[in-house]
Amino acid sequence: MHGKSDASKIERMTNLGKTLSFLLAGALVIVPAFSQSEEDLTKAMKTVGKTMGELRKANEAKDEAALKAGGAVLVEQFTIAAKFWASHKMADATEMNGKTLAAAKALADGSGTMAGVGSTCKGCHDQYREKLADGSYKLKMSH
C-alpha cells in the first residue's frame, strides 16, 4: 500500500511537471507575440503617416474603396501600437490608441470618417512624441 501511494505521488509530480512545461512553453510563444519594441511602434507609425496621406486623397476623391482599404491598413498598424502601449503599461496611450483603432475599424467597414480616425493623433503625439533638432522624432515614454 505504501508503494502504491509513492507511485501515485510520482505520477502526480510527473503530470505537474508536464503541465508546467506546457504552460512555460506557451508563455514563451505568447510573450514575444504580445510585446512590441519601440522599433515596431516607429515602423507602424510611419506606415500610419503614409496611409493617412493616401486617405486624405481618397477622401477628397470620395473613393470609398480606397478609404476602406486604408482603414484596414490602419487597423493593422494600430493593433501593433496597442500591443506596444499595453506591454509598456501606458494606460492613457492605450486608451487613445483604442479610440483610434475603433475609428479605423469603422473606416475599414465603411461606417467611419477620416475625422474620426485623426481625432486622437495630436493628443497622443503631443504627449508621447518629441521633435528633435534635426527634425526627426523620438518617443517619450514618460510625460
C-alpha atoms as a PDB file:
ATOM      1  CA  MET A   1       0.000   0.000   0.000  1.00  0.00           C
ATOM      2  CA  HIS A   2       2.886   2.328   0.746  1.00  0.00           C
ATOM      3  CA  GLY A   3       4.365   1.657  -2.728  1.00  0.00           C
ATOM      4  CA  LYS A   4       1.090   2.480  -4.464  1.00  0.00           C
ATOM      5  CA  SER A   5       0.926   5.845  -2.717  1.00  0.00           C
ATOM      6  CA  ASP A   6       4.503   6.644  -3.778  1.00  0.00           C
ATOM      7  CA  ALA A   7       3.718   5.693  -7.365  1.00  0.00           C
ATOM      8  CA  SER A   8       0.661   7.913  -7.241  1.00  0.00           C
ATOM      9  CA  LYS A   9       2.725  10.819  -5.935  1.00  0.00           C
ATOM     10  CA  ILE A  10       5.337  10.296  -8.638  1.00  0.00           C
ATOM     11  CA  GLU A  11       2.632  10.220 -11.319  1.00  0.00           C
ATOM     12  CA  ARG A  12       1.076  13.449  -9.978  1.00  0.00           C
ATOM     13  CA  MET A  13       4.507  15.121  -9.864  1.00  0.00           C
ATOM     14  CA  THR A  14       5.228  13.982 -13.432  1.00  0.00           C
ATOM     15  CA  ASN A  15       1.882  15.328 -14.605  1.00  0.00           C
ATOM     16  CA  LEU A  16       2.518  18.591 -12.773  1.00  0.00           C
ATOM     17  CA  GLY A  17       5.931  18.867 -14.413  1.00  0.00           C
ATOM     18  CA  LYS A  18       4.402  18.276 -17.849  1.00  0.00           C
ATOM     19  CA  THR A  19       1.704  20.878 -17.189  1.00  0.00           C
ATOM     20  CA  LEU A  20       4.220  23.472 -16.015  1.00  0.00           C
ATOM     21  CA  SER A  21       6.454  22.768 -19.021  1.00  0.00           C
ATOM     22  CA  PHE A  22       3.488  23.207 -21.350  1.00  0.00           C
ATOM     23  CA  LEU A  23       2.459  26.478 -19.700  1.00  0.00           C
ATOM     24  CA  LEU A  24       6.006  27.832 -19.767  1.00  0.00           C
ATOM     25  CA  ALA A  25       6.397  26.930 -23.439  1.00  0.00           C
ATOM     26  CA  GLY A  26       3.086  28.657 -24.161  1.00  0.00           C
ATOM     27  CA  ALA A  27       4.197  31.756 -22.291  1.00  0.00           C
ATOM     28  CA  LEU A  28       7.395  31.894 -24.323  1.00  0.00           C
ATOM     29  CA  VAL A  29       5.339  31.873 -27.509  1.00  0.00           C
ATOM     30  CA  ILE A  30       2.759  34.387 -26.294  1.00  0.00           C
ATOM     31  CA  VAL A  31       5.054  36.997 -24.743  1.00  0.00           C
ATOM     32  CA  PRO A  32       7.042  37.786 -27.913  1.00  0.00           C
ATOM     33  CA  ALA A  33       3.814  37.902 -29.909  1.00  0.00           C
ATOM     34  CA  PHE A  34       2.341  40.358 -27.412  1.00  0.00           C
ATOM     35  CA  SER A  35       5.327  42.567 -26.654  1.00  0.00           C
ATOM     36  CA  GLN A  36       6.333  45.132 -29.222  1.00  0.00           C
ATOM     37  CA  SER A  37       9.546  47.123 -29.436  1.00  0.00           C
ATOM     38  CA  GLU A  38       9.931  50.850 -29.948  1.00  0.00           C
ATOM     39  CA  GLU A  39      11.157  49.985 -33.433  1.00  0.00           C
ATOM     40  CA  ASP A  40       7.871  48.155 -34.118  1.00  0.00           C
ATOM     41  CA  LEU A  41       5.911  51.203 -32.971  1.00  0.00           C
ATOM     42  CA  THR A  42       8.021  53.588 -35.064  1.00  0.00           C
ATOM     43  CA  LYS A  43       7.574  51.414 -38.153  1.00  0.00           C
ATOM     44  CA  ALA A  44       3.823  51.211 -37.552  1.00  0.00           C
ATOM     45  CA  MET A  45       3.525  54.974 -37.096  1.00  0.00           C
ATOM     46  CA  LYS A  46       5.474  55.646 -40.298  1.00  0.00           C
ATOM     47  CA  THR A  47       3.044  53.379 -42.123  1.00  0.00           C
ATOM     48  CA  VAL A  48       0.161  55.246 -40.463  1.00  0.00           C
ATOM     49  CA  GLY A  49       1.571  58.585 -41.648  1.00  0.00           C
ATOM     50  CA  LYS A  50       1.896  57.355 -45.223  1.00  0.00           C
ATOM     51  CA  THR A  51      -1.567  55.800 -45.127  1.00  0.00           C
ATOM     52  CA  MET A  52      -3.130  58.966 -43.712  1.00  0.00           C
ATOM     53  CA  GLY A  53      -1.728  60.906 -46.681  1.00  0.00           C
ATOM     54  CA  GLU A  54      -3.255  58.373 -49.065  1.00  0.00           C
ATOM     55  CA  LEU A  55      -6.537  58.517 -47.157  1.00  0.00           C
ATOM     56  CA  ARG A  56      -6.699  62.318 -47.447  1.00  0.00           C
ATOM     57  CA  LYS A  57      -6.510  61.945 -51.234  1.00  0.00           C
ATOM     58  CA  ALA A  58      -9.092  59.154 -51.212  1.00  0.00           C
ATOM     59  CA  ASN A  59     -11.363  61.272 -49.017  1.00  0.00           C
ATOM     60  CA  GLU A  60     -11.112  64.239 -51.414  1.00  0.00           C
ATOM     61  CA  ALA A  61     -11.887  61.933 -54.347  1.00  0.00           C
ATOM     62  CA  LYS A  62     -14.719  60.287 -52.371  1.00  0.00           C
ATOM     63  CA  ASP A  63     -13.132  56.914 -53.175  1.00  0.00           C
ATOM     64  CA  GLU A  64     -14.928  54.616 -50.727  1.00  0.00           C
ATOM     65  CA  ALA A  65     -12.957  51.514 -51.724  1.00  0.00           C
ATOM     66  CA  ALA A  66      -9.652  53.293 -51.053  1.00  0.00           C
ATOM     67  CA  LEU A  67     -10.990  54.627 -47.743  1.00  0.00           C
ATOM     68  CA  LYS A  68     -11.956  51.125 -46.639  1.00  0.00           C
ATOM     69  CA  ALA A  69      -8.607  49.692 -47.770  1.00  0.00           C
ATOM     70  CA  GLY A  70      -6.716  52.437 -45.948  1.00  0.00           C
ATOM     71  CA  GLY A  71      -8.842  51.851 -42.874  1.00  0.00           C
ATOM     72  CA  ALA A  72      -7.829  48.179 -42.936  1.00  0.00           C
ATOM     73  CA  VAL A  73      -4.143  49.162 -43.067  1.00  0.00           C
ATOM     74  CA  LEU A  74      -4.686  51.450 -40.094  1.00  0.00           C
ATOM     75  CA  VAL A  75      -6.372  48.643 -38.154  1.00  0.00           C
ATOM     76  CA  GLU A  76      -3.246  46.505 -38.619  1.00  0.00           C
ATOM     77  CA  GLN A  77      -0.911  49.308 -37.586  1.00  0.00           C
ATOM     78  CA  PHE A  78      -2.914  50.449 -34.548  1.00  0.00           C
ATOM     79  CA  THR A  79      -3.139  46.816 -33.437  1.00  0.00           C
ATOM     80  CA  ILE A  80       0.674  46.769 -33.372  1.00  0.00           C
ATOM     81  CA  ALA A  81       0.663  50.068 -31.467  1.00  0.00           C
ATOM     82  CA  ALA A  82      -1.890  48.692 -28.987  1.00  0.00           C
ATOM     83  CA  LYS A  83       0.442  45.812 -28.178  1.00  0.00           C
ATOM     84  CA  PHE A  84       3.314  48.234 -27.639  1.00  0.00           C
ATOM     85  CA  TRP A  85       1.387  50.524 -25.283  1.00  0.00           C
ATOM     86  CA  ALA A  86      -0.121  47.618 -23.344  1.00  0.00           C
ATOM     87  CA  SER A  87       3.236  45.868 -22.940  1.00  0.00           C
ATOM     88  CA  HIS A  88       4.666  49.114 -21.525  1.00  0.00           C
ATOM     89  CA  LYS A  89       1.658  49.613 -19.241  1.00  0.00           C
ATOM     90  CA  MET A  90       0.887  53.071 -20.660  1.00  0.00           C
ATOM     91  CA  ALA A  91      -2.831  53.266 -19.818  1.00  0.00           C
ATOM     92  CA  ASP A  92      -3.550  56.696 -21.303  1.00  0.00           C
ATOM     93  CA  ALA A  93      -1.766  55.864 -24.558  1.00  0.00           C
ATOM     94  CA  THR A  94      -3.571  52.517 -24.651  1.00  0.00           C
ATOM     95  CA  GLU A  95      -6.886  54.351 -24.278  1.00  0.00           C
ATOM     96  CA  MET A  96      -6.087  56.890 -27.028  1.00  0.00           C
ATOM     97  CA  ASN A  97      -4.889  54.104 -29.289  1.00  0.00           C
ATOM     98  CA  GLY A  98      -8.075  52.146 -28.582  1.00  0.00           C
ATOM     99  CA  LYS A  99     -10.220  55.066 -29.731  1.00  0.00           C
ATOM    100  CA  THR A 100      -8.172  55.409 -32.898  1.00  0.00           C
ATOM    101  CA  LEU A 101      -8.308  51.658 -33.522  1.00  0.00           C
ATOM    102  CA  ALA A 102     -12.114  51.714 -33.184  1.00  0.00           C
ATOM    103  CA  ALA A 103     -12.299  54.640 -35.629  1.00  0.00           C
ATOM    104  CA  ALA A 104     -10.009  52.793 -38.073  1.00  0.00           C
ATOM    105  CA  LYS A 105     -12.251  49.709 -37.867  1.00  0.00           C
ATOM    106  CA  ALA A 106     -15.267  51.901 -38.623  1.00  0.00           C
ATOM    107  CA  LEU A 107     -13.454  53.421 -41.606  1.00  0.00           C
ATOM    108  CA  ALA A 108     -12.497  49.940 -42.835  1.00  0.00           C
ATOM    109  CA  ASP A 109     -16.107  48.761 -42.711  1.00  0.00           C
ATOM    110  CA  GLY A 110     -17.411  51.906 -44.400  1.00  0.00           C
ATOM    111  CA  SER A 111     -19.182  53.413 -41.397  1.00  0.00           C
ATOM    112  CA  GLY A 112     -16.406  55.764 -40.236  1.00  0.00           C
ATOM    113  CA  THR A 113     -14.797  59.003 -41.313  1.00  0.00           C
ATOM    114  CA  MET A 114     -11.325  60.435 -41.684  1.00  0.00           C
ATOM    115  CA  ALA A 115     -12.117  62.912 -38.905  1.00  0.00           C
ATOM    116  CA  GLY A 116     -12.822  60.019 -36.555  1.00  0.00           C
ATOM    117  CA  VAL A 117      -9.502  58.388 -37.317  1.00  0.00           C
ATOM    118  CA  GLY A 118      -7.485  61.570 -36.948  1.00  0.00           C
ATOM    119  CA  SER A 119      -9.187  62.787 -33.785  1.00  0.00           C
ATOM    120  CA  THR A 120      -6.616  61.375 -31.338  1.00  0.00           C
ATOM    121  CA  CYS A 121      -3.414  61.830 -33.346  1.00  0.00           C
ATOM    122  CA  LYS A 122      -2.434  65.233 -31.994  1.00  0.00           C
ATOM    123  CA  GLY A 123      -3.123  64.406 -28.352  1.00  0.00           C
ATOM    124  CA  CYS A 124      -1.000  61.274 -28.469  1.00  0.00           C
ATOM    125  CA  HIS A 125       1.768  62.931 -30.479  1.00  0.00           C
ATOM    126  CA  ASP A 126       1.883  65.911 -28.109  1.00  0.00           C
ATOM    127  CA  GLN A 127       2.182  63.597 -25.138  1.00  0.00           C
ATOM    128  CA  TYR A 128       4.460  60.861 -26.492  1.00  0.00           C
ATOM    129  CA  ARG A 129       6.474  62.305 -29.366  1.00  0.00           C
ATOM    130  CA  GLU A 130       9.380  64.717 -29.030  1.00  0.00           C
ATOM    131  CA  LYS A 131      10.706  66.617 -32.035  1.00  0.00           C
ATOM    132  CA  LEU A 132      14.490  66.596 -32.200  1.00  0.00           C
ATOM    133  CA  ALA A 133      16.740  69.373 -33.540  1.00  0.00           C
ATOM    134  CA  ASP A 134      17.281  67.504 -36.817  1.00  0.00           C
ATOM    135  CA  GLY A 135      13.511  67.370 -37.455  1.00  0.00           C
ATOM    136  CA  SER A 136      13.132  63.703 -36.568  1.00  0.00           C
ATOM    137  CA  TYR A 137      11.072  62.443 -33.653  1.00  0.00           C
ATOM    138  CA  LYS A 138      11.811  60.486 -30.521  1.00  0.00           C
ATOM    139  CA  LEU A 139       9.359  58.554 -28.390  1.00  0.00           C
ATOM    140  CA  LYS A 140       8.759  59.980 -24.919  1.00  0.00           C
ATOM    141  CA  MET A 141       7.945  57.145 -22.544  1.00  0.00           C
ATOM    142  CA  SER A 142       7.007  59.406 -19.660  1.00  0.00           C
ATOM    143  CA  HIS A 143       5.078  62.625 -19.562  1.00  0.00           C
END
